[in-house]
Amino acid sequence: MQSLFRINHILCTTYPGLDPIRLLDQPWEDVFDLANGLMDYRNQEKKETTPDGKEIILRPADDSWF
């Protein structure tokens, strides 16, 4: 599992309304639910598939066409 600092950093950069001090005041159960939901969303976003079930691999475009 990721460290609490990393979870705190990811949540605060994803949701600008949160800051580390306010996050400490929230119940940890809610914080972990939010972090788990965000990680599930990111994992789901990475794994796109075609209609026939093949996985699409996304890579940055290369400029060496010629």
Protein backbone atom coordinates (compact mmCIF):
# COMPACT_ATOMS: atom_id res chain seq x y z
CA MET A 1 0.00 0.00 0.00
CA GLN A 2 1.14 3.51 -0.70
CA SER A 3 2.38 5.69 2.07
CA LEU A 4 -0.02 8.11 3.71
CA PHE A 5 2.04 11.05 2.45
CA ARG A 6 1.64 9.88 -1.16
CA ILE A 7 -2.10 9.36 -0.73
CA ASN A 8 -2.37 12.82 0.83
CA HIS A 9 -0.38 14.38 -2.02
CA ILE A 10 -2.41 12.67 -4.76
CA LEU A 11 -5.74 13.65 -3.20
CA CYS A 12 -4.70 17.27 -2.65
CA THR A 13 -3.41 17.68 -6.23
CA THR A 14 -6.47 15.99 -7.74
CA TYR A 15 -8.96 17.93 -5.63
CA PRO A 16 -7.77 21.55 -5.24
CA GLY A 17 -10.39 22.19 -2.53
CA LEU A 18 -8.57 19.83 -0.19
CA ASP A 19 -5.43 20.71 1.68
CA PRO A 20 -3.34 18.53 4.01
CA ILE A 21 -4.68 20.21 7.17
CA ARG A 22 -8.35 19.79 6.20
CA LEU A 23 -7.68 16.21 5.16
CA LEU A 24 -6.44 15.42 8.67
CA ASP A 25 -9.81 16.56 10.07
CA GLN A 26 -11.75 14.11 7.87
CA PRO A 27 -12.55 10.57 9.03
CA TRP A 28 -9.89 8.18 7.69
CA GLU A 29 -12.55 5.84 6.37
CA ASP A 30 -13.79 8.58 4.04
CA VAL A 31 -10.25 9.47 2.98
CA PHE A 32 -9.44 5.85 2.11
CA ASP A 33 -12.74 5.46 0.24
CA LEU A 34 -11.91 8.55 -1.80
CA ALA A 35 -8.36 7.32 -2.48
CA ASN A 36 -9.57 3.82 -3.46
CA GLY A 37 -12.16 5.30 -5.80
CA LEU A 38 -9.52 7.49 -7.43
CA MET A 39 -7.12 4.56 -7.88
CA ASP A 40 -9.89 2.41 -9.36
CA TYR A 41 -10.76 5.21 -11.79
CA ARG A 42 -7.12 5.63 -12.85
CA ASN A 43 -6.69 1.87 -13.36
CA GLN A 44 -9.89 1.67 -15.37
CA GLU A 45 -8.88 4.67 -17.46
CA LYS A 46 -5.57 3.02 -18.44
CA LYS A 47 -7.14 -0.24 -19.64
CA GLU A 48 -9.18 0.61 -22.71
CA THR A 49 -10.32 -2.21 -24.97
CA THR A 50 -11.64 -2.51 -28.50
CA PRO A 51 -15.10 -3.98 -29.15
CA ASP A 52 -13.54 -7.40 -29.88
CA GLY A 53 -11.83 -7.43 -26.45
CA LYS A 54 -8.26 -6.52 -27.40
CA GLU A 55 -6.49 -4.09 -25.09
CA ILE A 56 -5.53 -0.70 -26.51
CA ILE A 57 -2.05 0.46 -25.55
CA LEU A 58 -1.68 4.24 -25.54
CA ARG A 59 1.79 5.73 -26.11
CA PRO A 60 3.03 9.24 -26.80
CA ALA A 61 3.33 10.02 -30.51
CA ASP A 62 6.79 9.89 -32.05
CA ASP A 63 8.02 12.68 -34.36
CA SER A 64 10.28 10.45 -36.45
CA TRP A 65 7.88 9.87 -39.32
CA PHE A 66 10.32 10.64 -42.11
